[in-house]
Amino acid sequence: MKWAELVQRVSVAARRHVPGGRRAQRTLRPGNASELRRLKPVSGAFGFDRGTPVDRFYIERFLTTNAAAVSGRVLEFGDNRYTRTIGRDVTRGDVLHPEAAAGVTIVGDVETGAGLPAEAFDCVIATQTLNSVFDLTAAVTHLHDLLVPGGVLLVTVPGISQVTEFDDARWGDFWRFTPRALDRTLRTRFTTEVQCSSFGNVLSSAAFLYGLAAEELAPEELERNDRRYPLLVTGRAVRAPSRG
């Protein structure tokens, strides 16, 4: 049975009343919907062990839509996967991380600003990063200052997600966002061209929480967008051009 069909059957069975006063089954019998009646997810690794995590599918969709901005000197957090696969006319790709490691070109802290250059990048890609920074206002200030005037910040943050235990123990996993929350956060420093939106629906969000992969959902199930269920929240912000 496909996941969508399973969810639909459980939804119908779980309702106490249906239109017209007809009474539906009050509770699910033991054994029904076994894939849903579980205290552990199908995958505790966000679906990486099954395919493409659903949030990664949406991240790639967002960045591909904004591929024209990924050009010139680009900074990415953690690694440069998206600079390499989505970037256009990239003259240099840098990688920022709090600790020295293979592939890291800048060791710095976006919360304190330590180690960060000023006005150095045409584009900054920060995927699933701000949720691990407690002082969001400071982080947005430092992201703004990394950009040259007219530079573009592309940011994604979790809306509906499990807590990342590894990141929580190491860096912290503090926040989940709505588009309005991200918009207000970015506008503490960016004053022009701030656009925030979201990807996801109740089915893709449930699938993500259970650890199913994007490949296990149909295209139409992934592409349906319901703002009430923001699995992934995205933002594009432009540093104001210089005057004069």
C-alpha atoms as a PDB file:
ATOM      1  CA  MET A   1       0.000   0.000   0.000  1.00  0.00           C
ATOM      2  CA  LYS A   2       1.324   3.452  -0.890  1.00  0.00           C
ATOM      3  CA  TRP A   3       1.988   5.845   1.982  1.00  0.00           C
ATOM      4  CA  ALA A   4      -0.659   8.287   0.734  1.00  0.00           C
ATOM      5  CA  GLU A   5      -3.291   5.541   0.644  1.00  0.00           C
ATOM      6  CA  LEU A   6      -2.334   4.432   4.139  1.00  0.00           C
ATOM      7  CA  VAL A   7      -2.610   7.939   5.533  1.00  0.00           C
ATOM      8  CA  GLN A   8      -5.984   8.415   3.858  1.00  0.00           C
ATOM      9  CA  ARG A   9      -7.362   5.197   5.342  1.00  0.00           C
ATOM     10  CA  VAL A  10      -6.144   6.078   8.809  1.00  0.00           C
ATOM     11  CA  SER A  11      -7.628   9.563   8.497  1.00  0.00           C
ATOM     12  CA  VAL A  12     -11.019   8.168   7.545  1.00  0.00           C
ATOM     13  CA  ALA A  13     -10.989   5.500  10.233  1.00  0.00           C
ATOM     14  CA  ALA A  14      -9.909   7.854  12.989  1.00  0.00           C
ATOM     15  CA  ARG A  15     -12.715  10.402  12.527  1.00  0.00           C
ATOM     16  CA  ARG A  16     -15.470  10.037  15.110  1.00  0.00           C
ATOM     17  CA  HIS A  17     -18.120  11.661  12.930  1.00  0.00           C
ATOM     18  CA  VAL A  18     -18.606  12.114   9.221  1.00  0.00           C
ATOM     19  CA  PRO A  19     -20.924  14.539   7.358  1.00  0.00           C
ATOM     20  CA  GLY A  20     -24.585  13.623   7.595  1.00  0.00           C
ATOM     21  CA  GLY A  21     -24.420  12.340  11.148  1.00  0.00           C
ATOM     22  CA  ARG A  22     -23.132   8.867  10.217  1.00  0.00           C
ATOM     23  CA  ARG A  23     -20.860   7.557  12.936  1.00  0.00           C
ATOM     24  CA  ALA A  24     -17.445   6.231  11.971  1.00  0.00           C
ATOM     25  CA  GLN A  25     -15.246   3.804  13.852  1.00  0.00           C
ATOM     26  CA  ARG A  26     -14.143   5.481  17.112  1.00  0.00           C
ATOM     27  CA  THR A  27     -10.769   3.794  17.471  1.00  0.00           C
ATOM     28  CA  LEU A  28      -8.425   1.796  15.310  1.00  0.00           C
ATOM     29  CA  ARG A  29      -8.313  -1.897  16.051  1.00  0.00           C
ATOM     30  CA  PRO A  30      -4.922  -3.291  17.133  1.00  0.00           C
ATOM     31  CA  GLY A  31      -2.853  -4.056  14.078  1.00  0.00           C
ATOM     32  CA  ASN A  32      -4.473  -1.505  11.808  1.00  0.00           C
ATOM     33  CA  ALA A  33      -2.182   1.157  10.299  1.00  0.00           C
ATOM     34  CA  SER A  34       0.870  -0.585  11.702  1.00  0.00           C
ATOM     35  CA  GLU A  35       3.167   1.768   9.856  1.00  0.00           C
ATOM     36  CA  LEU A  36       1.697   4.726  11.752  1.00  0.00           C
ATOM     37  CA  ARG A  37       1.076   3.185  15.179  1.00  0.00           C
ATOM     38  CA  ARG A  38       4.705   3.138  16.212  1.00  0.00           C
ATOM     39  CA  LEU A  39       6.803   4.983  18.776  1.00  0.00           C
ATOM     40  CA  LYS A  40       9.930   4.980  16.639  1.00  0.00           C
ATOM     41  CA  PRO A  41      10.322   6.406  13.148  1.00  0.00           C
ATOM     42  CA  VAL A  42      10.905   4.251  10.096  1.00  0.00           C
ATOM     43  CA  SER A  43      14.309   5.947   9.913  1.00  0.00           C
ATOM     44  CA  GLY A  44      15.975   8.002  12.615  1.00  0.00           C
ATOM     45  CA  ALA A  45      18.398   9.469  10.079  1.00  0.00           C
ATOM     46  CA  PHE A  46      15.937  11.826   8.340  1.00  0.00           C
ATOM     47  CA  GLY A  47      15.575   9.256   5.531  1.00  0.00           C
ATOM     48  CA  PHE A  48      19.204   9.480   4.399  1.00  0.00           C
ATOM     49  CA  ASP A  49      19.404   5.681   4.666  1.00  0.00           C
ATOM     50  CA  ARG A  50      16.386   5.313   2.361  1.00  0.00           C
ATOM     51  CA  GLY A  51      17.096   7.981  -0.254  1.00  0.00           C
ATOM     52  CA  THR A  52      16.803  11.768  -0.350  1.00  0.00           C
ATOM     53  CA  PRO A  53      15.449  13.347   2.856  1.00  0.00           C
ATOM     54  CA  VAL A  54      12.254  15.268   2.130  1.00  0.00           C
ATOM     55  CA  ASP A  55      13.693  18.536   3.463  1.00  0.00           C
ATOM     56  CA  ARG A  56      16.720  18.136   1.159  1.00  0.00           C
ATOM     57  CA  PHE A  57      14.376  17.747  -1.792  1.00  0.00           C
ATOM     58  CA  TYR A  58      12.822  21.094  -0.917  1.00  0.00           C
ATOM     59  CA  ILE A  59      16.199  22.735  -0.214  1.00  0.00           C
ATOM     60  CA  GLU A  60      17.411  21.762  -3.663  1.00  0.00           C
ATOM     61  CA  ARG A  61      14.184  23.031  -5.222  1.00  0.00           C
ATOM     62  CA  PHE A  62      14.588  26.416  -3.513  1.00  0.00           C
ATOM     63  CA  LEU A  63      18.262  26.809  -4.420  1.00  0.00           C
ATOM     64  CA  THR A  64      17.709  25.708  -8.004  1.00  0.00           C
ATOM     65  CA  THR A  65      15.031  28.371  -8.356  1.00  0.00           C
ATOM     66  CA  ASN A  66      17.607  30.925  -7.149  1.00  0.00           C
ATOM     67  CA  ALA A  67      20.557  29.462  -9.063  1.00  0.00           C
ATOM     68  CA  ALA A  68      21.294  32.741 -10.855  1.00  0.00           C
ATOM     69  CA  ALA A  69      22.257  34.287  -7.504  1.00  0.00           C
ATOM     70  CA  VAL A  70      24.833  31.565  -6.814  1.00  0.00           C
ATOM     71  CA  SER A  71      27.615  33.263  -8.730  1.00  0.00           C
ATOM     72  CA  GLY A  72      30.819  35.220  -8.202  1.00  0.00           C
ATOM     73  CA  ARG A  73      32.421  34.525  -4.841  1.00  0.00           C
ATOM     74  CA  VAL A  74      30.150  32.202  -2.897  1.00  0.00           C
ATOM     75  CA  LEU A  75      30.241  31.153   0.753  1.00  0.00           C
ATOM     76  CA  GLU A  76      28.498  28.008   1.943  1.00  0.00           C
ATOM     77  CA  PHE A  77      28.176  26.583   5.433  1.00  0.00           C
ATOM     78  CA  GLY A  78      29.551  23.125   6.218  1.00  0.00           C
ATOM     79  CA  ASP A  79      30.498  22.045   2.708  1.00  0.00           C
ATOM     80  CA  ASN A  80      30.178  23.295  -0.859  1.00  0.00           C
ATOM     81  CA  ARG A  81      27.741  20.745  -2.288  1.00  0.00           C
ATOM     82  CA  TYR A  82      25.281  23.334  -3.561  1.00  0.00           C
ATOM     83  CA  THR A  83      27.917  25.767  -4.791  1.00  0.00           C
ATOM     84  CA  ARG A  84      29.274  22.943  -6.966  1.00  0.00           C
ATOM     85  CA  THR A  85      25.981  21.533  -8.201  1.00  0.00           C
ATOM     86  CA  ILE A  86      23.830  24.649  -8.534  1.00  0.00           C
ATOM     87  CA  GLY A  87      26.280  27.552  -8.864  1.00  0.00           C
ATOM     88  CA  ARG A  88      26.662  29.512 -12.093  1.00  0.00           C
ATOM     89  CA  ASP A  89      29.801  31.454 -12.994  1.00  0.00           C
ATOM     90  CA  VAL A  90      31.299  30.893  -9.535  1.00  0.00           C
ATOM     91  CA  THR A  91      34.742  32.483  -9.356  1.00  0.00           C
ATOM     92  CA  ARG A  92      35.508  31.112  -5.912  1.00  0.00           C
ATOM     93  CA  GLY A  93      33.686  28.853  -3.492  1.00  0.00           C
ATOM     94  CA  ASP A  94      34.497  29.080   0.212  1.00  0.00           C
ATOM     95  CA  VAL A  95      33.290  26.846   3.041  1.00  0.00           C
ATOM     96  CA  LEU A  96      32.644  28.172   6.543  1.00  0.00           C
ATOM     97  CA  HIS A  97      32.713  25.919   9.601  1.00  0.00           C
ATOM     98  CA  PRO A  98      33.347  26.516  13.324  1.00  0.00           C
ATOM     99  CA  GLU A  99      36.177  23.973  13.267  1.00  0.00           C
ATOM    100  CA  ALA A 100      39.043  23.273  10.881  1.00  0.00           C
ATOM    101  CA  ALA A 101      38.367  20.262   8.660  1.00  0.00           C
ATOM    102  CA  ALA A 102      38.999  19.006   5.167  1.00  0.00           C
ATOM    103  CA  GLY A 103      37.462  21.374   2.631  1.00  0.00           C
ATOM    104  CA  VAL A 104      36.908  24.174   5.139  1.00  0.00           C
ATOM    105  CA  THR A 105      38.461  27.441   3.956  1.00  0.00           C
ATOM    106  CA  ILE A 106      37.185  29.782   6.679  1.00  0.00           C
ATOM    107  CA  VAL A 107      37.020  28.860  10.354  1.00  0.00           C
ATOM    108  CA  GLY A 108      34.553  31.220  11.982  1.00  0.00           C
ATOM    109  CA  ASP A 109      31.481  31.678  14.134  1.00  0.00           C
ATOM    110  CA  VAL A 110      28.384  33.278  12.634  1.00  0.00           C
ATOM    111  CA  GLU A 111      26.993  34.055  16.093  1.00  0.00           C
ATOM    112  CA  THR A 112      30.023  35.934  17.455  1.00  0.00           C
ATOM    113  CA  GLY A 113      31.467  37.045  14.128  1.00  0.00           C
ATOM    114  CA  ALA A 114      34.874  35.649  15.039  1.00  0.00           C
ATOM    115  CA  GLY A 115      36.972  34.829  11.963  1.00  0.00           C
ATOM    116  CA  LEU A 116      34.482  36.246   9.455  1.00  0.00           C
ATOM    117  CA  PRO A 117      35.608  38.611   6.675  1.00  0.00           C
ATOM    118  CA  ALA A 118      33.575  41.712   5.869  1.00  0.00           C
ATOM    119  CA  GLU A 119      31.961  42.478   2.497  1.00  0.00           C
ATOM    120  CA  ALA A 120      33.627  39.476   0.865  1.00  0.00           C
ATOM    121  CA  PHE A 121      30.896  37.481  -0.898  1.00  0.00           C
ATOM    122  CA  ASP A 122      28.399  37.915  -3.697  1.00  0.00           C
ATOM    123  CA  CYS A 123      26.274  35.070  -2.326  1.00  0.00           C
ATOM    124  CA  VAL A 124      26.011  33.283   1.017  1.00  0.00           C
ATOM    125  CA  ILE A 125      24.221  29.934   1.262  1.00  0.00           C
ATOM    126  CA  ALA A 126      23.142  29.008   4.793  1.00  0.00           C
ATOM    127  CA  THR A 127      21.079  25.823   4.788  1.00  0.00           C
ATOM    128  CA  GLN A 128      19.682  24.491   8.083  1.00  0.00           C
ATOM    129  CA  THR A 129      22.073  26.681  10.080  1.00  0.00           C
ATOM    130  CA  LEU A 130      20.159  29.371  11.974  1.00  0.00           C
ATOM    131  CA  ASN A 131      18.309  26.792  14.047  1.00  0.00           C
ATOM    132  CA  SER A 132      21.663  26.002  15.691  1.00  0.00           C
ATOM    133  CA  VAL A 133      22.410  29.637  16.570  1.00  0.00           C
ATOM    134  CA  PHE A 134      20.862  30.962  19.768  1.00  0.00           C
ATOM    135  CA  ASP A 135      21.417  34.683  19.135  1.00  0.00           C
ATOM    136  CA  LEU A 136      19.592  35.074  15.847  1.00  0.00           C
ATOM    137  CA  THR A 137      19.897  38.845  15.669  1.00  0.00           C
ATOM    138  CA  ALA A 138      23.684  38.644  15.948  1.00  0.00           C
ATOM    139  CA  ALA A 139      23.822  35.879  13.355  1.00  0.00           C
ATOM    140  CA  VAL A 140      21.747  37.843  10.834  1.00  0.00           C
ATOM    141  CA  THR A 141      23.972  40.888  11.360  1.00  0.00           C
ATOM    142  CA  HIS A 142      27.071  38.838  10.602  1.00  0.00           C
ATOM    143  CA  LEU A 143      25.447  37.190   7.578  1.00  0.00           C
ATOM    144  CA  HIS A 144      24.581  40.648   6.273  1.00  0.00           C
ATOM    145  CA  ASP A 145      28.110  41.886   6.822  1.00  0.00           C
ATOM    146  CA  LEU A 146      29.632  38.936   4.937  1.00  0.00           C
ATOM    147  CA  LEU A 147      27.957  40.156   1.752  1.00  0.00           C
ATOM    148  CA  VAL A 148      29.107  42.854  -0.608  1.00  0.00           C
ATOM    149  CA  PRO A 149      26.493  45.560  -1.295  1.00  0.00           C
ATOM    150  CA  GLY A 150      23.917  43.959  -3.546  1.00  0.00           C
ATOM    151  CA  GLY A 151      24.955  40.466  -2.422  1.00  0.00           C
ATOM    152  CA  VAL A 152      22.340  37.765  -1.875  1.00  0.00           C
ATOM    153  CA  LEU A 153      21.701  35.579   1.165  1.00  0.00           C
ATOM    154  CA  LEU A 154      19.918  32.277   0.537  1.00  0.00           C
ATOM    155  CA  VAL A 155      18.817  30.671   3.781  1.00  0.00           C
ATOM    156  CA  THR A 156      16.745  27.644   4.738  1.00  0.00           C
ATOM    157  CA  VAL A 157      15.574  26.657   8.210  1.00  0.00           C
ATOM    158  CA  PRO A 158      13.449  23.820   9.582  1.00  0.00           C
ATOM    159  CA  GLY A 159       9.765  24.401  10.162  1.00  0.00           C
ATOM    160  CA  ILE A 160       8.574  20.906  11.076  1.00  0.00           C
ATOM    161  CA  SER A 161      11.404  18.585  12.036  1.00  0.00           C
ATOM    162  CA  GLN A 162      12.767  16.231  14.617  1.00  0.00           C
ATOM    163  CA  VAL A 163      15.536  17.510  16.894  1.00  0.00           C
ATOM    164  CA  THR A 164      18.963  16.714  15.477  1.00  0.00           C
ATOM    165  CA  GLU A 165      20.531  14.923  18.432  1.00  0.00           C
ATOM    166  CA  PHE A 166      24.118  15.124  17.158  1.00  0.00           C
ATOM    167  CA  ASP A 167      23.877  18.821  16.349  1.00  0.00           C
ATOM    168  CA  ASP A 168      21.987  19.539  19.558  1.00  0.00           C
ATOM    169  CA  ALA A 169      24.735  17.950  21.648  1.00  0.00           C
ATOM    170  CA  ARG A 170      27.521  19.661  19.721  1.00  0.00           C
ATOM    171  CA  TRP A 171      26.222  23.046  18.598  1.00  0.00           C
ATOM    172  CA  GLY A 172      22.646  23.255  19.837  1.00  0.00           C
ATOM    173  CA  ASP A 173      19.366  22.823  17.985  1.00  0.00           C
ATOM    174  CA  PHE A 174      17.293  25.712  19.328  1.00  0.00           C
ATOM    175  CA  TRP A 175      14.660  26.889  16.861  1.00  0.00           C
ATOM    176  CA  ARG A 176      11.900  25.994  14.430  1.00  0.00           C
ATOM    177  CA  PHE A 177      10.510  28.708  12.173  1.00  0.00           C
ATOM    178  CA  THR A 178       7.472  29.927  10.321  1.00  0.00           C
ATOM    179  CA  PRO A 179       7.860  32.140   7.230  1.00  0.00           C
ATOM    180  CA  ARG A 180       6.751  35.163   9.261  1.00  0.00           C
ATOM    181  CA  ALA A 181       9.314  34.421  11.962  1.00  0.00           C
ATOM    182  CA  LEU A 182      12.140  34.135   9.441  1.00  0.00           C
ATOM    183  CA  ASP A 183      10.995  37.290   7.665  1.00  0.00           C
ATOM    184  CA  ARG A 184      11.071  39.328  10.884  1.00  0.00           C
ATOM    185  CA  THR A 185      14.418  37.836  11.839  1.00  0.00           C
ATOM    186  CA  LEU A 186      16.042  38.748   8.519  1.00  0.00           C
ATOM    187  CA  ARG A 187      14.553  42.236   8.582  1.00  0.00           C
ATOM    188  CA  THR A 188      16.429  43.031  11.794  1.00  0.00           C
ATOM    189  CA  ARG A 189      19.370  43.778   9.462  1.00  0.00           C
ATOM    190  CA  PHE A 190      18.279  43.471   5.834  1.00  0.00           C
ATOM    191  CA  THR A 191      16.160  46.383   4.687  1.00  0.00           C
ATOM    192  CA  THR A 192      15.459  45.530   1.044  1.00  0.00           C
ATOM    193  CA  GLU A 193      14.263  42.528  -0.960  1.00  0.00           C
ATOM    194  CA  VAL A 194      13.446  40.081   1.820  1.00  0.00           C
ATOM    195  CA  GLN A 195      11.294  37.201   0.567  1.00  0.00           C
ATOM    196  CA  CYS A 196      10.325  34.267   2.770  1.00  0.00           C
ATOM    197  CA  SER A 197       8.205  31.259   1.942  1.00  0.00           C
ATOM    198  CA  SER A 198       7.775  27.597   2.795  1.00  0.00           C
ATOM    199  CA  PHE A 199       7.566  24.127   1.290  1.00  0.00           C
ATOM    200  CA  GLY A 200       5.553  21.172   2.524  1.00  0.00           C
ATOM    201  CA  ASN A 201       2.139  19.798   3.339  1.00  0.00           C
ATOM    202  CA  VAL A 202       0.703  17.520   5.994  1.00  0.00           C
ATOM    203  CA  LEU A 203       1.673  14.361   4.106  1.00  0.00           C
ATOM    204  CA  SER A 204       5.254  15.325   3.273  1.00  0.00           C
ATOM    205  CA  SER A 205       5.721  16.627   6.831  1.00  0.00           C
ATOM    206  CA  ALA A 206       4.450  13.376   8.318  1.00  0.00           C
ATOM    207  CA  ALA A 207       6.630  11.374   5.948  1.00  0.00           C
ATOM    208  CA  PHE A 208       9.653  13.441   6.963  1.00  0.00           C
ATOM    209  CA  LEU A 209       8.978  12.931  10.669  1.00  0.00           C
ATOM    210  CA  TYR A 210       8.680   9.185  10.091  1.00  0.00           C
ATOM    211  CA  GLY A 211      11.992   9.203   8.203  1.00  0.00           C
ATOM    212  CA  LEU A 212      10.650   8.291   4.790  1.00  0.00           C
ATOM    213  CA  ALA A 213      12.587   9.464   1.748  1.00  0.00           C
ATOM    214  CA  ALA A 214      11.391  11.809  -0.983  1.00  0.00           C
ATOM    215  CA  GLU A 215      11.549   8.943  -3.464  1.00  0.00           C
ATOM    216  CA  GLU A 216       8.791   7.199  -1.489  1.00  0.00           C
ATOM    217  CA  LEU A 217       6.315   9.983  -2.250  1.00  0.00           C
ATOM    218  CA  ALA A 218       4.730  10.757  -5.595  1.00  0.00           C
ATOM    219  CA  PRO A 219       5.738  14.030  -7.310  1.00  0.00           C
ATOM    220  CA  GLU A 220       2.295  15.529  -6.763  1.00  0.00           C
ATOM    221  CA  GLU A 221       2.502  14.663  -3.055  1.00  0.00           C
ATOM    222  CA  LEU A 222       5.797  16.515  -2.730  1.00  0.00           C
ATOM    223  CA  GLU A 223       4.820  19.497  -4.844  1.00  0.00           C
ATOM    224  CA  ARG A 224       1.565  20.304  -3.066  1.00  0.00           C
ATOM    225  CA  ASN A 225       2.241  23.329  -0.851  1.00  0.00           C
ATOM    226  CA  ASP A 226       0.151  24.017   2.238  1.00  0.00           C
ATOM    227  CA  ARG A 227       1.309  27.004   4.280  1.00  0.00           C
ATOM    228  CA  ARG A 228      -0.250  25.489   7.404  1.00  0.00           C
ATOM    229  CA  TYR A 229       2.424  22.790   7.368  1.00  0.00           C
ATOM    230  CA  PRO A 230       5.786  24.491   6.679  1.00  0.00           C
ATOM    231  CA  LEU A 231       8.235  21.598   6.611  1.00  0.00           C
ATOM    232  CA  LEU A 232      10.984  23.852   5.228  1.00  0.00           C
ATOM    233  CA  VAL A 233      11.103  27.643   5.501  1.00  0.00           C
ATOM    234  CA  THR A 234      13.187  29.603   3.007  1.00  0.00           C
ATOM    235  CA  GLY A 235      14.454  33.138   2.742  1.00  0.00           C
ATOM    236  CA  ARG A 236      16.145  35.284   0.145  1.00  0.00           C
ATOM    237  CA  ALA A 237      17.557  38.616   1.323  1.00  0.00           C
ATOM    238  CA  VAL A 238      19.643  41.187  -0.537  1.00  0.00           C
ATOM    239  CA  ARG A 239      22.094  43.560   1.089  1.00  0.00           C
ATOM    240  CA  ALA A 240      21.229  47.105   0.076  1.00  0.00           C
ATOM    241  CA  PRO A 241      23.439  48.489  -2.705  1.00  0.00           C
ATOM    242  CA  SER A 242      25.911  51.226  -1.854  1.00  0.00           C
ATOM    243  CA  ARG A 243      24.700  54.765  -2.237  1.00  0.00           C
ATOM    244  CA  GLY A 244      26.591  57.191  -4.376  1.00  0.00           C
END
